[in-house]
Amino acid sequence: MKTLDLADVARLPEELKDGEEIALRDGERTVATVTPVKTIEERIDQLARQGKVRKGTEKIPAWFFEERPPKFPSSVLEQLLHDRYSRDW
């Protein structure tokens, strides 16, 4: 993590281009930490490297976006079993 004095805050945009976090300091005291924005793909890659998520290997089927969510007149488990056996997965 880089550090930057509050008096040099005008350099902040230039320093953020490297993609590192920057600690803003007022003397010896840290007053803020600035983190550059990441795209969702960059964030997912970072989480995958940390072992916190796994990337999917399959595509989401088209019907997933077209169908309405199921209503649950009974238990969620009963509805899940009904859906599992009524679809061709």
Protein backbone atom coordinates (compact mmCIF):
# COMPACT_ATOMS: atom_id res chain seq x y z
CA MET A 1 0.00 0.00 0.00
CA LYS A 2 1.31 3.41 -0.95
CA THR A 3 1.11 6.37 1.39
CA LEU A 4 0.44 9.96 0.41
CA ASP A 5 0.52 13.05 2.59
CA LEU A 6 -2.61 15.23 2.61
CA ALA A 7 -0.54 18.13 1.27
CA ASP A 8 0.09 16.05 -1.89
CA VAL A 9 -3.54 15.07 -2.45
CA ALA A 10 -3.46 16.64 -5.94
CA ARG A 11 -1.31 13.67 -7.01
CA LEU A 12 -3.99 11.20 -5.95
CA PRO A 13 -5.54 10.53 -9.41
CA GLU A 14 -2.09 9.89 -10.88
CA GLU A 15 -1.16 7.51 -8.06
CA LEU A 16 -4.44 5.58 -8.35
CA LYS A 17 -3.70 4.64 -11.97
CA ASP A 18 -1.30 1.96 -10.72
CA GLY A 19 -4.25 0.16 -9.13
CA GLU A 20 -2.87 0.14 -5.58
CA GLU A 21 -4.55 1.25 -2.37
CA ILE A 22 -3.31 4.56 -1.04
CA ALA A 23 -3.27 5.59 2.60
CA LEU A 24 -3.76 9.34 3.08
CA ARG A 25 -1.80 10.56 6.07
CA ASP A 26 -1.82 13.71 8.12
CA GLY A 27 1.61 13.55 9.67
CA GLU A 28 1.86 10.16 11.37
CA ARG A 29 -1.90 9.53 11.45
CA THR A 30 -3.74 7.75 8.60
CA VAL A 31 -6.98 9.64 7.92
CA ALA A 32 -8.29 7.70 4.91
CA THR A 33 -7.62 4.78 2.64
CA VAL A 34 -8.45 5.17 -1.05
CA THR A 35 -9.08 2.02 -3.07
CA PRO A 36 -9.33 2.10 -6.87
CA VAL A 37 -12.57 0.80 -8.38
CA LYS A 38 -12.38 -2.64 -9.98
CA THR A 39 -14.61 -4.10 -12.64
CA ILE A 40 -16.79 -7.03 -11.64
CA GLU A 41 -14.57 -9.35 -13.71
CA GLU A 42 -11.44 -8.14 -11.89
CA ARG A 43 -13.14 -8.62 -8.52
CA ILE A 44 -14.27 -12.16 -9.41
CA ASP A 45 -10.75 -13.02 -10.61
CA GLN A 46 -9.33 -11.71 -7.33
CA LEU A 47 -11.81 -13.75 -5.26
CA ALA A 48 -11.07 -16.85 -7.37
CA ARG A 49 -7.32 -16.46 -6.75
CA GLN A 50 -8.06 -16.26 -3.01
CA GLY A 51 -10.13 -19.45 -3.24
CA LYS A 52 -13.31 -17.72 -2.07
CA VAL A 53 -15.29 -18.42 -5.27
CA ARG A 54 -15.08 -20.73 -8.25
CA LYS A 55 -15.86 -19.60 -11.76
CA GLY A 56 -18.65 -21.45 -13.49
CA THR A 57 -17.89 -23.57 -16.51
CA GLU A 58 -21.38 -23.87 -17.96
CA LYS A 59 -23.66 -21.32 -19.57
CA ILE A 60 -26.94 -20.43 -17.89
CA PRO A 61 -29.83 -21.99 -19.85
CA ALA A 62 -32.07 -19.55 -21.75
CA TRP A 63 -35.21 -20.63 -19.86
CA PHE A 64 -33.62 -19.37 -16.63
CA PHE A 65 -34.16 -15.76 -17.77
CA GLU A 66 -37.53 -16.34 -19.41
CA GLU A 67 -39.46 -18.20 -16.73
CA ARG A 68 -41.10 -16.56 -13.78
CA PRO A 69 -39.89 -17.62 -10.34
CA PRO A 70 -41.91 -20.51 -8.92
CA LYS A 71 -44.61 -19.89 -6.35
CA PHE A 72 -44.37 -21.97 -3.23
CA PRO A 73 -47.82 -23.20 -2.22
CA SER A 74 -46.19 -25.83 -0.03
CA SER A 75 -42.70 -26.31 1.36
CA VAL A 76 -39.63 -25.16 -0.55
CA LEU A 77 -38.30 -28.73 -0.50
CA GLU A 78 -41.44 -30.10 -2.16
CA GLN A 79 -41.24 -27.40 -4.83
CA LEU A 80 -37.55 -28.12 -5.41
CA LEU A 81 -38.20 -31.83 -5.86
CA HIS A 82 -41.10 -31.11 -8.18
CA ASP A 83 -38.94 -28.79 -10.32
CA ARG A 84 -36.04 -31.24 -10.36
CA TYR A 85 -38.12 -34.11 -11.69
CA SER A 86 -40.25 -32.07 -14.11
CA ARG A 87 -37.34 -30.53 -16.09
CA ASP A 88 -34.81 -32.03 -18.47
CA TRP A 89 -31.56 -30.82 -16.92
